[in-house]
PDB file of all heavy atoms in Angstrom:
ATOM      1  N   GLU A   1    -126.884  29.009 142.026  1.00  0.00           N
ATOM      2  CA  GLU A   1    -127.724  29.611 143.055  1.00  0.00           C
ATOM      3  C   GLU A   1    -129.206  29.316 142.831  1.00  0.00           C
ATOM      4  O   GLU A   1    -129.963  29.090 143.783  1.00  0.00           O
ATOM      5  CB  GLU A   1    -127.480  31.121 143.070  1.00  0.00           C
ATOM      6  CG  GLU A   1    -128.173  31.867 144.175  1.00  0.00           C
ATOM      7  CD  GLU A   1    -127.800  33.331 144.194  1.00  0.00           C
ATOM      8  OE1 GLU A   1    -127.340  33.840 143.150  1.00  0.00           O
ATOM      9  OE2 GLU A   1    -127.962  33.967 145.250  1.00  0.00           O
ATOM     10  N   ALA A   2    -129.615  29.273 141.578  1.00  0.00           N
ATOM     11  CA  ALA A   2    -131.020  29.038 141.259  1.00  0.00           C
ATOM     12  C   ALA A   2    -131.520  27.694 141.756  1.00  0.00           C
ATOM     13  O   ALA A   2    -132.724  27.518 141.991  1.00  0.00           O
ATOM     14  CB  ALA A   2    -131.237  29.145 139.744  1.00  0.00           C
ATOM     15  N   ALA A   3    -130.605  26.742 141.935  1.00  0.00           N
ATOM     16  CA  ALA A   3    -131.007  25.411 142.395  1.00  0.00           C
ATOM     17  C   ALA A   3    -131.511  25.421 143.828  1.00  0.00           C
ATOM     18  O   ALA A   3    -132.197  24.478 144.253  1.00  0.00           O
ATOM     19  CB  ALA A   3    -129.832  24.445 142.268  1.00  0.00           C
ATOM     20  N   PHE A   4    -131.178  26.487 144.581  1.00  0.00           N
ATOM     21  CA  PHE A   4    -131.566  26.540 145.994  1.00  0.00           C
ATOM     22  C   PHE A   4    -132.614  27.610 146.281  1.00  0.00           C
ATOM     23  O   PHE A   4    -132.864  27.929 147.441  1.00  0.00           O
ATOM     24  CB  PHE A   4    -130.326  26.747 146.863  1.00  0.00           C
ATOM     25  CG  PHE A   4    -129.463  25.521 146.937  1.00  0.00           C
ATOM     26  CD1 PHE A   4    -128.394  25.364 146.081  1.00  0.00           C
ATOM     27  CD2 PHE A   4    -129.759  24.510 147.831  1.00  0.00           C
ATOM     28  CE1 PHE A   4    -127.609  24.213 146.123  1.00  0.00           C
ATOM     29  CE2 PHE A   4    -128.996  23.358 147.887  1.00  0.00           C
ATOM     30  CZ  PHE A   4    -127.920  23.213 147.036  1.00  0.00           C
ATOM     31  N   GLU A   5    -133.221  28.138 145.227  1.00  0.00           N
ATOM     32  CA  GLU A   5    -134.335  29.062 145.444  1.00  0.00           C
ATOM     33  C   GLU A   5    -135.481  28.305 146.106  1.00  0.00           C
ATOM     34  O   GLU A   5    -135.917  27.265 145.620  1.00  0.00           O
ATOM     35  CB  GLU A   5    -134.792  29.669 144.117  1.00  0.00           C
ATOM     36  CG  GLU A   5    -133.800  30.658 143.530  1.00  0.00           C
ATOM     37  CD  GLU A   5    -134.283  31.264 142.220  1.00  0.00           C
ATOM     38  OE1 GLU A   5    -135.410  30.910 141.802  1.00  0.00           O
ATOM     39  OE2 GLU A   5    -133.533  32.051 141.617  1.00  0.00           O
ATOM     40  N   SER A   6    -135.956  28.815 147.237  1.00  0.00           N
ATOM     41  CA  SER A   6    -137.057  28.196 148.002  1.00  0.00           C
ATOM     42  C   SER A   6    -136.710  26.805 148.505  1.00  0.00           C
ATOM     43  O   SER A   6    -137.608  25.990 148.779  1.00  0.00           O
ATOM     44  CB  SER A   6    -138.340  28.127 147.144  1.00  0.00           C
ATOM     45  OG  SER A   6    -138.704  29.395 146.671  1.00  0.00           O
ATOM     46  N   VAL A   7    -135.412  26.515 148.619  1.00  0.00           N
ATOM     47  CA  VAL A   7    -134.960  25.208 149.140  1.00  0.00           C
ATOM     48  C   VAL A   7    -134.078  25.449 150.350  1.00  0.00           C
ATOM     49  O   VAL A   7    -133.096  26.199 150.270  1.00  0.00           O
ATOM     50  CB  VAL A   7    -134.189  24.413 148.065  1.00  0.00           C
ATOM     51  CG1 VAL A   7    -133.641  23.114 148.654  1.00  0.00           C
ATOM     52  CG2 VAL A   7    -135.070  24.121 146.865  1.00  0.00           C
ATOM     53  N   ASP A   8    -134.400  24.821 151.469  1.00  0.00           N
ATOM     54  CA  ASP A   8    -133.561  24.878 152.658  1.00  0.00           C
ATOM     55  C   ASP A   8    -132.547  23.742 152.577  1.00  0.00           C
ATOM     56  O   ASP A   8    -132.933  22.566 152.632  1.00  0.00           O
ATOM     57  CB  ASP A   8    -134.418  24.722 153.915  1.00  0.00           C
ATOM     58  CG  ASP A   8    -133.607  24.840 155.201  1.00  0.00           C
ATOM     59  OD1 ASP A   8    -132.363  24.899 155.116  1.00  0.00           O
ATOM     60  OD2 ASP A   8    -134.223  24.857 156.278  1.00  0.00           O
ATOM     61  N   PRO A   9    -131.244  24.046 152.431  1.00  0.00           N
ATOM     62  CA  PRO A   9    -130.247  22.974 152.325  1.00  0.00           C
ATOM     63  C   PRO A   9    -130.306  21.980 153.477  1.00  0.00           C
ATOM     64  O   PRO A   9    -129.982  20.800 153.303  1.00  0.00           O
ATOM     65  CB  PRO A   9    -128.911  23.736 152.313  1.00  0.00           C
ATOM     66  CG  PRO A   9    -129.264  25.091 151.784  1.00  0.00           C
ATOM     67  CD  PRO A   9    -130.643  25.376 152.323  1.00  0.00           C
ATOM     68  N   ARG A  10    -130.747  22.434 154.651  1.00  0.00           N
ATOM     69  CA  ARG A  10    -130.828  21.527 155.798  1.00  0.00           C
ATOM     70  C   ARG A  10    -131.851  20.417 155.567  1.00  0.00           C
ATOM     71  O   ARG A  10    -131.697  19.305 156.088  1.00  0.00           O
ATOM     72  CB  ARG A  10    -131.165  22.309 157.066  1.00  0.00           C
ATOM     73  CG  ARG A  10    -130.057  23.251 157.530  1.00  0.00           C
ATOM     74  CD  ARG A  10    -130.521  24.134 158.663  1.00  0.00           C
ATOM     75  NE  ARG A  10    -131.615  25.029 158.227  1.00  0.00           N
ATOM     76  CZ  ARG A  10    -132.180  25.953 158.996  1.00  0.00           C
ATOM     77  NH1 ARG A  10    -131.771  26.102 160.252  1.00  0.00           N
ATOM     78  NH2 ARG A  10    -133.137  26.725 158.530  1.00  0.00           N
ATOM     79  N   SER A  11    -132.879  20.714 154.782  1.00  0.00           N
ATOM     80  CA  SER A  11    -133.903  19.705 154.501  1.00  0.00           C
ATOM     81  C   SER A  11    -133.371  18.586 153.615  1.00  0.00           C
ATOM     82  O   SER A  11    -133.990  17.524 153.513  1.00  0.00           O
ATOM     83  CB  SER A  11    -135.120  20.352 153.841  1.00  0.00           C
ATOM     84  OG  SER A  11    -134.815  20.789 152.522  1.00  0.00           O
ATOM     85  N   LEU A  12    -132.238  18.829 152.974  1.00  0.00           N
ATOM     86  CA  LEU A  12    -131.625  17.834 152.091  1.00  0.00           C
ATOM     87  C   LEU A  12    -130.564  17.004 152.799  1.00  0.00           C
ATOM     88  O   LEU A  12    -129.945  16.139 152.178  1.00  0.00           O
ATOM     89  CB  LEU A  12    -130.995  18.524 150.880  1.00  0.00           C
ATOM     90  CG  LEU A  12    -131.896  19.463 150.070  1.00  0.00           C
ATOM     91  CD1 LEU A  12    -131.100  20.135 148.966  1.00  0.00           C
ATOM     92  CD2 LEU A  12    -133.087  18.705 149.500  1.00  0.00           C
ATOM     93  N   GLN A  13    -130.331  17.285 154.082  1.00  0.00           N
ATOM     94  CA  GLN A  13    -129.305  16.580 154.873  1.00  0.00           C
ATOM     95  C   GLN A  13    -127.927  16.666 154.191  1.00  0.00           C
ATOM     96  O   GLN A  13    -127.156  15.710 154.179  1.00  0.00           O
ATOM     97  CB  GLN A  13    -129.700  15.118 155.108  1.00  0.00           C
ATOM     98  CG  GLN A  13    -130.984  14.947 155.894  1.00  0.00           C
ATOM     99  CD  GLN A  13    -131.412  13.504 156.042  1.00  0.00           C
ATOM    100  OE1 GLN A  13    -132.553  13.159 155.759  1.00  0.00           O
ATOM    101  NE2 GLN A  13    -130.517  12.647 156.486  1.00  0.00           N
ATOM    102  N   LEU A  14    -127.637  17.841 153.629  1.00  0.00           N
ATOM    103  CA  LEU A  14    -126.393  18.031 152.891  1.00  0.00           C
ATOM    104  C   LEU A  14    -125.189  18.093 153.825  1.00  0.00           C
ATOM    105  O   LEU A  14    -125.169  18.884 154.771  1.00  0.00           O
ATOM    106  CB  LEU A  14    -126.449  19.320 152.070  1.00  0.00           C
ATOM    107  CG  LEU A  14    -127.109  19.245 150.698  1.00  0.00           C
ATOM    108  CD1 LEU A  14    -127.322  20.637 150.145  1.00  0.00           C
ATOM    109  CD2 LEU A  14    -126.267  18.412 149.743  1.00  0.00           C
ATOM    110  N   GLU A  15    -124.175  17.287 153.549  1.00  0.00           N
ATOM    111  CA  GLU A  15    -122.928  17.310 154.307  1.00  0.00           C
ATOM    112  C   GLU A  15    -122.020  18.412 153.776  1.00  0.00           C
ATOM    113  O   GLU A  15    -121.860  18.560 152.566  1.00  0.00           O
ATOM    114  CB  GLU A  15    -122.191  15.966 154.189  1.00  0.00           C
ATOM    115  CG  GLU A  15    -122.788  14.847 154.995  1.00  0.00           C
ATOM    116  CD  GLU A  15    -121.913  13.601 154.938  1.00  0.00           C
ATOM    117  OE1 GLU A  15    -121.127  13.451 153.975  1.00  0.00           O
ATOM    118  OE2 GLU A  15    -122.016  12.766 155.858  1.00  0.00           O
ATOM    119  N   GLY A  16    -121.416  19.166 154.673  1.00  0.00           N
ATOM    120  CA  GLY A  16    -120.396  20.133 154.287  1.00  0.00           C
ATOM    121  C   GLY A  16    -120.874  21.257 153.413  1.00  0.00           C
ATOM    122  O   GLY A  16    -120.075  21.880 152.700  1.00  0.00           O
ATOM    123  N   PHE A  17    -122.155  21.547 153.452  1.00  0.00           N
ATOM    124  CA  PHE A  17    -122.673  22.608 152.583  1.00  0.00           C
ATOM    125  C   PHE A  17    -122.472  23.971 153.224  1.00  0.00           C
ATOM    126  O   PHE A  17    -122.723  24.165 154.413  1.00  0.00           O
ATOM    127  CB  PHE A  17    -124.156  22.392 152.299  1.00  0.00           C
ATOM    128  CG  PHE A  17    -124.742  23.433 151.395  1.00  0.00           C
ATOM    129  CD1 PHE A  17    -124.597  23.335 150.024  1.00  0.00           C
ATOM    130  CD2 PHE A  17    -125.424  24.527 151.916  1.00  0.00           C
ATOM    131  CE1 PHE A  17    -125.134  24.304 149.179  1.00  0.00           C
ATOM    132  CE2 PHE A  17    -125.954  25.494 151.085  1.00  0.00           C
ATOM    133  CZ  PHE A  17    -125.810  25.385 149.713  1.00  0.00           C
ATOM    134  N   ASN A  18    -122.005  24.916 152.419  1.00  0.00           N
ATOM    135  CA  ASN A  18    -121.926  26.317 152.848  1.00  0.00           C
ATOM    136  C   ASN A  18    -122.055  27.196 151.610  1.00  0.00           C
ATOM    137  O   ASN A  18    -122.219  26.701 150.487  1.00  0.00           O
ATOM    138  CB  ASN A  18    -120.615  26.597 153.604  1.00  0.00           C
ATOM    139  CG  ASN A  18    -119.388  26.250 152.780  1.00  0.00           C
ATOM    140  OD1 ASN A  18    -119.235  26.695 151.646  1.00  0.00           O
ATOM    141  ND2 ASN A  18    -118.495  25.431 153.343  1.00  0.00           N
ATOM    142  N   SER A  19    -121.984  28.502 151.810  1.00  0.00           N
ATOM    143  CA  SER A  19    -122.218  29.437 150.706  1.00  0.00           C
ATOM    144  C   SER A  19    -121.193  29.284 149.581  1.00  0.00           C
ATOM    145  O   SER A  19    -121.461  29.676 148.435  1.00  0.00           O
ATOM    146  CB  SER A  19    -122.208  30.874 151.222  1.00  0.00           C
ATOM    147  OG  SER A  19    -120.930  31.203 151.763  1.00  0.00           O
ATOM    148  N   GLN A  20    -120.027  28.720 149.896  1.00  0.00           N
ATOM    149  CA  GLN A  20    -118.993  28.562 148.877  1.00  0.00           C
ATOM    150  C   GLN A  20    -119.229  27.352 147.973  1.00  0.00           C
ATOM    151  O   GLN A  20    -118.437  27.089 147.060  1.00  0.00           O
ATOM    152  CB  GLN A  20    -117.618  28.481 149.533  1.00  0.00           C
ATOM    153  CG  GLN A  20    -117.192  29.779 150.200  1.00  0.00           C
ATOM    154  CD  GLN A  20    -117.245  30.965 149.240  1.00  0.00           C
ATOM    155  OE1 GLN A  20    -116.543  31.003 148.251  1.00  0.00           O
ATOM    156  NE2 GLN A  20    -118.107  31.941 149.542  1.00  0.00           N
ATOM    157  N   LYS A  21    -120.305  26.615 148.204  1.00  0.00           N
ATOM    158  CA  LYS A  21    -120.697  25.543 147.285  1.00  0.00           C
ATOM    159  C   LYS A  21    -121.631  26.075 146.191  1.00  0.00           C
ATOM    160  O   LYS A  21    -122.054  25.315 145.322  1.00  0.00           O
ATOM    161  CB  LYS A  21    -121.382  24.408 148.047  1.00  0.00           C
ATOM    162  CG  LYS A  21    -120.468  23.690 149.025  1.00  0.00           C
ATOM    163  CD  LYS A  21    -119.331  22.962 148.322  1.00  0.00           C
ATOM    164  CE  LYS A  21    -119.785  21.705 147.640  1.00  0.00           C
ATOM    165  NZ  LYS A  21    -118.663  20.950 147.016  1.00  0.00           N
ATOM    166  N   ILE A  22    -121.929  27.368 146.249  1.00  0.00           N
ATOM    167  CA  ILE A  22    -122.752  28.008 145.220  1.00  0.00           C
ATOM    168  C   ILE A  22    -121.828  28.572 144.138  1.00  0.00           C
ATOM    169  O   ILE A  22    -120.902  29.338 144.423  1.00  0.00           O
ATOM    170  CB  ILE A  22    -123.610  29.135 145.819  1.00  0.00           C
ATOM    171  CG1 ILE A  22    -124.558  28.565 146.888  1.00  0.00           C
ATOM    172  CG2 ILE A  22    -124.381  29.856 144.732  1.00  0.00           C
ATOM    173  CD1 ILE A  22    -125.552  27.558 146.359  1.00  0.00           C
ATOM    174  N   LEU A  23    -122.070  28.198 142.909  1.00  0.00           N
ATOM    175  CA  LEU A  23    -121.203  28.557 141.787  1.00  0.00           C
ATOM    176  C   LEU A  23    -120.990  30.070 141.688  1.00  0.00           C
ATOM    177  O   LEU A  23    -119.846  30.542 141.552  1.00  0.00           O
ATOM    178  CB  LEU A  23    -121.803  28.017 140.481  1.00  0.00           C
ATOM    179  CG  LEU A  23    -121.105  28.407 139.177  1.00  0.00           C
ATOM    180  CD1 LEU A  23    -119.667  27.927 139.164  1.00  0.00           C
ATOM    181  CD2 LEU A  23    -121.880  27.832 137.982  1.00  0.00           C
ATOM    182  N   GLU A  24    -122.052  30.830 141.765  1.00  0.00           N
ATOM    183  CA  GLU A  24    -121.928  32.282 141.597  1.00  0.00           C
ATOM    184  C   GLU A  24    -121.080  32.911 142.704  1.00  0.00           C
ATOM    185  O   GLU A  24    -120.351  33.881 142.459  1.00  0.00           O
ATOM    186  CB  GLU A  24    -123.317  32.921 141.572  1.00  0.00           C
ATOM    187  CG  GLU A  24    -124.131  32.613 140.327  1.00  0.00           C
ATOM    188  CD  GLU A  24    -124.904  31.313 140.425  1.00  0.00           C
ATOM    189  OE1 GLU A  24    -124.664  30.533 141.384  1.00  0.00           O
ATOM    190  OE2 GLU A  24    -125.753  31.079 139.555  1.00  0.00           O
ATOM    191  N   ASN A  25    -121.180  32.376 143.922  1.00  0.00           N
ATOM    192  CA  ASN A  25    -120.375  32.902 145.024  1.00  0.00           C
ATOM    193  C   ASN A  25    -118.894  32.663 144.806  1.00  0.00           C
ATOM    194  O   ASN A  25    -118.063  33.548 145.076  1.00  0.00           O
ATOM    195  CB  ASN A  25    -120.816  32.270 146.348  1.00  0.00           C
ATOM    196  CG  ASN A  25    -122.198  32.696 146.769  1.00  0.00           C
ATOM    197  OD1 ASN A  25    -122.741  33.670 146.250  1.00  0.00           O
ATOM    198  ND2 ASN A  25    -122.801  31.973 147.698  1.00  0.00           N
ATOM    199  N   ARG A  26    -118.557  31.486 144.321  1.00  0.00           N
ATOM    200  CA  ARG A  26    -117.144  31.179 144.058  1.00  0.00           C
ATOM    201  C   ARG A  26    -116.617  32.031 142.913  1.00  0.00           C
ATOM    202  O   ARG A  26    -115.482  32.517 142.946  1.00  0.00           O
ATOM    203  CB  ARG A  26    -116.954  29.700 143.748  1.00  0.00           C
ATOM    204  CG  ARG A  26    -117.135  28.797 144.937  1.00  0.00           C
ATOM    205  CD  ARG A  26    -116.025  29.018 145.978  1.00  0.00           C
ATOM    206  NE  ARG A  26    -114.726  28.648 145.458  1.00  0.00           N
ATOM    207  CZ  ARG A  26    -113.596  29.356 145.621  1.00  0.00           C
ATOM    208  NH1 ARG A  26    -113.623  30.497 146.284  1.00  0.00           N
ATOM    209  NH2 ARG A  26    -112.452  28.927 145.132  1.00  0.00           N
ATOM    210  N   LEU A  27    -117.447  32.219 141.876  1.00  0.00           N
ATOM    211  CA  LEU A  27    -117.033  33.060 140.757  1.00  0.00           C
ATOM    212  C   LEU A  27    -116.764  34.480 141.226  1.00  0.00           C
ATOM    213  O   LEU A  27    -115.742  35.085 140.870  1.00  0.00           O
ATOM    214  CB  LEU A  27    -118.113  33.077 139.690  1.00  0.00           C
ATOM    215  CG  LEU A  27    -118.117  31.964 138.655  1.00  0.00           C
ATOM    216  CD1 LEU A  27    -119.352  32.061 137.773  1.00  0.00           C
ATOM    217  CD2 LEU A  27    -116.857  31.996 137.797  1.00  0.00           C
ATOM    218  N   ALA A  28    -117.666  35.014 142.031  1.00  0.00           N
ATOM    219  CA  ALA A  28    -117.499  36.390 142.522  1.00  0.00           C
ATOM    220  C   ALA A  28    -116.274  36.531 143.385  1.00  0.00           C
ATOM    221  O   ALA A  28    -115.626  37.593 143.403  1.00  0.00           O
ATOM    222  CB  ALA A  28    -118.735  36.804 143.303  1.00  0.00           C
TER     223      ALA A  28
END
């Protein structure tokens, strides 16, 4: 999650990105 602090994933043109690509979310 810390990798996306103050980062808009859309600015990275990320394919298939959603909240489940965050490690802590999947762990929880």
